[in-house]
Amino acid sequence: MAAPRFQPGDRVRARVSTPLVQAGTPGTVTMAYSTMRDAYEVRFDGQHAAILMRADELERVDDTPEAV
């Protein structure tokens, strides 16, 4: 079994729009499912409930500050 792409606590961004979240919305992975390949529960900023997303619908957010 391949290692998950994301782990709980990783900051991500939606790559696609869904009925529940717009593309580009940042969030935090809250759970990586071991029983479903590449499935993650993500709590997006401004949302109260976590949403189930596939790895190909997400991209990692680089939280390092940009140089000014």
Protein backbone atom coordinates (compact mmCIF):
# COMPACT_ATOMS: atom_id res chain seq x y z
CA MET A 1 0.00 0.00 0.00
CA ALA A 2 1.38 3.40 -1.00
CA ALA A 3 2.00 6.07 1.61
CA PRO A 4 -0.64 8.84 1.66
CA ARG A 5 0.17 12.04 -0.18
CA PHE A 6 -1.17 14.13 2.70
CA GLN A 7 -1.24 13.69 6.45
CA PRO A 8 -3.45 15.23 9.14
CA GLY A 9 -2.35 18.80 9.76
CA ASP A 10 -1.15 19.41 6.18
CA ARG A 11 -2.38 22.67 4.66
CA VAL A 12 -3.98 22.16 1.26
CA ARG A 13 -6.02 24.05 -1.34
CA ALA A 14 -8.95 22.79 -3.42
CA ARG A 15 -7.90 22.37 -7.07
CA VAL A 16 -11.51 22.06 -8.28
CA SER A 17 -14.85 23.57 -7.35
CA THR A 18 -17.50 21.30 -5.83
CA PRO A 19 -21.01 22.11 -4.57
CA LEU A 20 -19.47 22.60 -1.09
CA VAL A 21 -16.18 24.40 -1.80
CA GLN A 22 -14.74 26.72 -4.47
CA ALA A 23 -11.44 26.03 -6.23
CA GLY A 24 -8.58 27.79 -4.46
CA THR A 25 -10.11 27.56 -0.97
CA PRO A 26 -7.43 26.67 1.61
CA GLY A 27 -7.99 24.14 4.37
CA THR A 28 -6.40 21.60 6.70
CA VAL A 29 -6.38 17.82 6.31
CA THR A 30 -8.09 16.37 9.39
CA MET A 31 -7.98 12.68 8.45
CA ALA A 32 -6.25 10.44 5.90
CA TYR A 33 -8.38 7.34 5.27
CA SER A 34 -6.47 4.07 5.17
CA THR A 35 -9.50 2.15 3.86
CA MET A 36 -10.08 4.44 0.85
CA ARG A 37 -7.18 5.07 -1.46
CA ASP A 38 -6.20 8.75 -1.73
CA ALA A 39 -9.25 9.98 0.25
CA TYR A 40 -8.91 12.76 2.80
CA GLU A 41 -11.18 14.64 5.14
CA VAL A 42 -10.47 18.38 4.88
CA ARG A 43 -11.80 21.25 6.97
CA PHE A 44 -11.74 24.23 4.64
CA ASP A 45 -11.29 27.73 6.05
CA GLY A 46 -14.70 29.25 6.81
CA GLN A 47 -16.49 25.86 6.81
CA HIS A 48 -17.87 24.22 9.94
CA ALA A 49 -17.82 20.63 8.69
CA ALA A 50 -15.01 18.67 7.09
CA ILE A 51 -15.45 17.54 3.48
CA LEU A 52 -14.27 14.27 1.91
CA MET A 53 -11.90 14.97 -1.00
CA ARG A 54 -9.69 12.88 -3.29
CA ALA A 55 -5.96 13.57 -3.52
CA ASP A 56 -6.26 14.71 -7.15
CA GLU A 57 -8.72 17.42 -6.02
CA LEU A 58 -6.15 18.91 -3.61
CA GLU A 59 -2.77 20.60 -3.76
CA ARG A 60 -0.36 21.28 -0.94
CA VAL A 61 -0.13 24.88 0.31
CA ASP A 62 3.35 26.17 1.07
CA ASP A 63 2.99 27.97 4.41
CA THR A 64 6.47 29.45 4.31
CA PRO A 65 6.38 33.26 4.26
CA GLU A 66 7.40 34.87 0.99
CA ALA A 67 10.40 37.17 0.96
CA VAL A 68 9.51 40.84 0.57
